Amino acid sequence: MKVHVANHPLISHKLTILRDEKTDSPTFRLLVEELVTLLAYEATRDVRTTSISIKTPVTATTGLVLAEPRPVVVPILRAGLGMLEGMTKLLPTAQVGFLGMVRNEETLQASTYANRLPENLSGRQCFVLDPMLATGGTLAMAINYLIERGANEITAICLLAAPEGIKALEDEFKDAGIPITLVTGSLDEKLNEKGYIVPGLGDAGDRLYGVV
């Protein structure tokens, strides 16, 4: 598994404001969108393209367009939904699927409650959106789900990641046989006893949409 920590001053600046407990939900949502667009730029460096012939106002030339089948963007509900707009701004022609997953706060185990994905993902590049890579359980389950449906290249985009979560993914997918990449804005220090990332930014879903 390839891990890319996007080291850029704009990313660090936006993450600092996101971490601040005084940042309100509207500002938080706007910053997540902006941050994901920056991370998506890094995550799509190897997106598949094909050559086409076009004519400019000056002459004929060749250019690149996204190859078929189009990439699939998969936000993990509910917090991943807050990342979708920032991703589709960069990849407006991508298809979008959804996975509803929840982590039990006592056992830290993930379970799936909703699925809106194509039955067959053979030959597709998939981009999974999940704000926090903490224990790795939710993201591992999502990636396995996509592999079972035939995805042959998967990139996960996370705002923050903990070392424990990265190790869990590396152990889970060391023999996956397909390219798996993690792109994150920061590698944080650790998980606390409740499975939250430290220093982290709290519960991303609650900070995006409020406590429900």
Protein backbone atom coordinates (compact mmCIF):
# COMPACT_ATOMS: atom_id res chain seq x y z
CA MET A 1 0.00 0.00 0.00
CA LYS A 2 1.26 3.45 -0.92
CA VAL A 3 0.84 6.29 1.59
CA HIS A 4 1.09 9.92 0.51
CA VAL A 5 0.97 12.69 3.12
CA ALA A 6 0.26 15.88 1.18
CA ASN A 7 2.77 18.35 2.59
CA HIS A 8 1.58 21.76 1.41
CA PRO A 9 1.29 25.04 3.35
CA LEU A 10 -2.31 25.62 2.20
CA ILE A 11 -3.31 22.16 3.41
CA SER A 12 -1.62 22.74 6.76
CA HIS A 13 -3.30 26.14 7.10
CA LYS A 14 -6.79 24.77 6.42
CA LEU A 15 -6.24 21.80 8.71
CA THR A 16 -5.23 24.10 11.55
CA ILE A 17 -8.53 25.97 11.30
CA LEU A 18 -10.46 22.69 11.04
CA ARG A 19 -8.81 21.42 14.23
CA ASP A 20 -9.78 24.53 16.21
CA GLU A 21 -12.77 23.72 18.42
CA LYS A 22 -14.06 27.28 17.90
CA THR A 23 -14.58 26.75 14.14
CA ASP A 24 -18.32 26.63 13.44
CA SER A 25 -20.06 24.10 11.18
CA PRO A 26 -20.55 26.38 8.12
CA THR A 27 -16.87 27.31 8.13
CA PHE A 28 -15.90 23.71 8.78
CA ARG A 29 -17.92 22.49 5.77
CA LEU A 30 -16.41 25.12 3.48
CA LEU A 31 -12.86 24.30 4.57
CA VAL A 32 -13.42 20.55 4.13
CA GLU A 33 -14.57 21.16 0.57
CA GLU A 34 -11.54 23.31 -0.20
CA LEU A 35 -9.16 20.87 1.48
CA VAL A 36 -10.54 17.85 -0.37
CA THR A 37 -10.05 19.60 -3.70
CA LEU A 38 -6.37 20.07 -2.81
CA LEU A 39 -6.06 16.44 -1.71
CA ALA A 40 -7.92 15.26 -4.81
CA TYR A 41 -5.34 16.97 -6.98
CA GLU A 42 -2.67 14.75 -5.38
CA ALA A 43 -4.89 11.65 -5.43
CA THR A 44 -5.67 11.86 -9.16
CA ARG A 45 -2.11 12.09 -10.46
CA ASP A 46 -2.44 8.57 -11.86
CA VAL A 47 -6.04 8.79 -13.05
CA ARG A 48 -6.38 6.94 -16.33
CA THR A 49 -6.49 8.98 -19.53
CA THR A 50 -6.69 8.39 -23.25
CA SER A 51 -5.50 10.46 -26.23
CA ILE A 52 -7.94 12.18 -28.58
CA SER A 53 -7.56 14.42 -31.61
CA ILE A 54 -9.00 17.92 -31.43
CA LYS A 55 -8.79 21.13 -33.37
CA THR A 56 -7.91 24.38 -31.64
CA PRO A 57 -8.65 27.77 -33.23
CA VAL A 58 -5.08 27.60 -34.52
CA THR A 59 -4.34 24.01 -35.55
CA ALA A 60 -5.06 20.30 -35.07
CA THR A 61 -3.49 18.65 -32.04
CA THR A 62 -3.88 15.78 -29.62
CA GLY A 63 -4.89 15.96 -25.98
CA LEU A 64 -5.84 13.79 -23.03
CA VAL A 65 -9.27 13.04 -21.59
CA LEU A 66 -10.38 10.73 -18.80
CA ALA A 67 -10.53 7.14 -20.01
CA GLU A 68 -13.59 4.91 -19.95
CA PRO A 69 -14.89 3.45 -17.75
CA ARG A 70 -15.05 6.60 -15.72
CA PRO A 71 -13.69 6.70 -12.15
CA VAL A 72 -16.09 6.03 -9.28
CA VAL A 73 -16.13 8.29 -6.22
CA VAL A 74 -17.43 6.62 -3.04
CA PRO A 75 -18.07 8.78 0.02
CA ILE A 76 -18.60 6.84 3.25
CA LEU A 77 -21.72 8.23 4.91
CA ARG A 78 -22.30 10.34 6.78
CA ALA A 79 -19.09 12.33 7.21
CA GLY A 80 -17.70 11.39 3.78
CA LEU A 81 -20.62 13.22 2.20
CA GLY A 82 -19.05 16.48 3.31
CA MET A 83 -16.05 15.65 1.09
CA LEU A 84 -18.01 14.89 -2.06
CA GLU A 85 -18.40 18.42 -3.43
CA GLY A 86 -14.68 19.10 -3.19
CA MET A 87 -13.93 15.87 -5.07
CA THR A 88 -16.48 16.27 -7.85
CA LYS A 89 -15.27 19.81 -8.52
CA LEU A 90 -12.07 18.22 -9.76
CA LEU A 91 -13.71 15.11 -11.28
CA PRO A 92 -17.14 16.29 -12.46
CA THR A 93 -17.60 13.39 -14.89
CA ALA A 94 -16.93 10.67 -12.31
CA GLN A 95 -19.75 8.40 -11.23
CA VAL A 96 -20.74 8.56 -7.57
CA GLY A 97 -21.67 5.66 -5.33
CA PHE A 98 -22.42 5.64 -1.61
CA LEU A 99 -21.59 3.41 1.33
CA GLY A 100 -23.33 3.93 4.65
CA MET A 101 -21.07 2.68 7.44
CA VAL A 102 -21.04 3.24 11.17
CA ARG A 103 -18.50 2.47 13.90
CA ASN A 104 -19.65 1.05 17.21
CA GLU A 105 -18.14 3.41 19.77
CA GLU A 106 -17.72 0.61 22.33
CA THR A 107 -16.26 -2.18 20.17
CA LEU A 108 -14.82 0.17 17.48
CA GLN A 109 -16.10 -2.32 14.87
CA ALA A 110 -17.65 -1.04 11.63
CA SER A 111 -20.90 -2.20 10.06
CA THR A 112 -22.66 -1.36 6.78
CA TYR A 113 -26.21 0.00 6.74
CA ALA A 114 -26.55 1.33 3.16
CA ASN A 115 -25.09 0.62 -0.26
CA ARG A 116 -25.60 2.47 -3.54
CA LEU A 117 -22.85 1.10 -5.76
CA PRO A 118 -22.69 -0.55 -9.17
CA GLU A 119 -22.84 -4.33 -8.87
CA ASN A 120 -19.81 -4.67 -11.13
CA LEU A 121 -16.76 -2.45 -10.65
CA SER A 122 -14.45 -4.48 -12.88
CA GLY A 123 -11.70 -2.35 -14.35
CA ARG A 124 -12.74 0.74 -12.39
CA GLN A 125 -10.59 3.18 -10.47
CA CYS A 126 -12.33 3.98 -7.18
CA PHE A 127 -11.76 6.96 -4.90
CA VAL A 128 -13.03 6.44 -1.34
CA LEU A 129 -13.77 9.51 0.78
CA ASP A 130 -13.60 9.24 4.58
CA PRO A 131 -12.45 12.19 6.72
CA MET A 132 -10.71 10.22 9.46
CA LEU A 133 -8.52 7.13 9.28
CA ALA A 134 -8.52 6.13 12.96
CA THR A 135 -8.57 2.40 13.72
CA GLY A 136 -8.85 1.57 10.01
CA GLY A 137 -11.85 -0.74 10.46
CA THR A 138 -14.36 1.30 8.46
CA LEU A 139 -12.01 2.02 5.58
CA ALA A 140 -10.78 -1.58 5.44
CA MET A 141 -14.35 -2.85 5.21
CA ALA A 142 -15.14 -0.33 2.46
CA ILE A 143 -12.05 -1.24 0.43
CA ASN A 144 -12.79 -4.96 0.75
CA TYR A 145 -16.33 -4.28 -0.43
CA LEU A 146 -15.02 -2.54 -3.56
CA ILE A 147 -12.50 -5.31 -4.26
CA GLU A 148 -15.25 -7.92 -4.02
CA ARG A 149 -17.13 -6.01 -6.71
CA GLY A 150 -14.13 -6.00 -9.04
CA ALA A 151 -12.40 -2.66 -8.45
CA ASN A 152 -8.81 -2.97 -9.60
CA GLU A 153 -7.34 0.28 -8.27
CA ILE A 154 -8.43 2.06 -5.08
CA THR A 155 -7.36 5.39 -3.61
CA ALA A 156 -8.60 6.50 -0.19
CA ILE A 157 -8.65 10.21 0.62
CA CYS A 158 -8.67 11.19 4.30
CA LEU A 159 -8.25 14.55 5.99
CA LEU A 160 -6.31 12.97 8.87
CA ALA A 161 -4.75 9.59 9.56
CA ALA A 162 -3.41 7.85 12.67
CA PRO A 163 -0.41 5.47 12.57
CA GLU A 164 -2.58 2.67 13.97
CA GLY A 165 -5.03 3.01 11.09
CA ILE A 166 -2.31 3.00 8.46
CA LYS A 167 -0.75 -0.13 9.94
CA ALA A 168 -4.14 -1.84 10.03
CA LEU A 169 -4.67 -1.12 6.32
CA GLU A 170 -1.14 -2.22 5.43
CA ASP A 171 -1.66 -5.50 7.26
CA GLU A 172 -5.11 -6.04 5.77
CA PHE A 173 -4.11 -5.42 2.16
CA LYS A 174 -0.50 -6.58 1.97
CA ASP A 175 -1.60 -9.39 -0.37
CA ALA A 176 -4.49 -7.57 -2.08
CA GLY A 177 -2.93 -7.85 -5.52
CA ILE A 178 -4.21 -4.43 -6.65
CA PRO A 179 -2.81 -0.91 -6.20
CA ILE A 180 -4.15 0.71 -3.03
CA THR A 181 -3.15 4.26 -2.11
CA LEU A 182 -3.89 6.47 0.87
CA VAL A 183 -3.73 10.24 0.42
CA THR A 184 -4.04 12.26 3.63
CA GLY A 185 -3.54 15.82 4.76
CA SER A 186 -1.74 14.84 7.96
CA LEU A 187 -0.30 11.87 9.80
CA ASP A 188 -1.27 12.57 13.40
CA GLU A 189 0.30 11.31 16.62
CA LYS A 190 -1.86 8.42 17.83
CA LEU A 191 -5.31 7.18 18.89
CA ASN A 192 -6.61 7.80 22.40
CA GLU A 193 -8.38 5.21 24.55
CA LYS A 194 -11.70 5.99 22.83
CA GLY A 195 -10.29 5.44 19.35
CA TYR A 196 -10.16 9.15 18.46
CA ILE A 197 -7.24 10.64 16.57
CA VAL A 198 -4.89 12.83 18.63
CA PRO A 199 -4.58 15.76 18.16
CA GLY A 200 -7.26 15.21 15.51
CA LEU A 201 -10.27 17.45 15.09
CA GLY A 202 -13.00 15.62 17.00
CA ASP A 203 -15.93 13.87 15.35
CA ALA A 204 -15.93 15.02 11.72
CA GLY A 205 -19.59 14.14 11.17
CA ASP A 206 -20.74 16.11 14.22
CA ARG A 207 -18.63 19.09 13.25
CA LEU A 208 -19.94 19.03 9.67
CA TYR A 209 -23.62 18.58 10.44
CA GLY A 210 -24.13 18.97 14.19
CA VAL A 211 -24.85 16.35 16.85
CA VAL A 212 -27.86 14.13 16.09
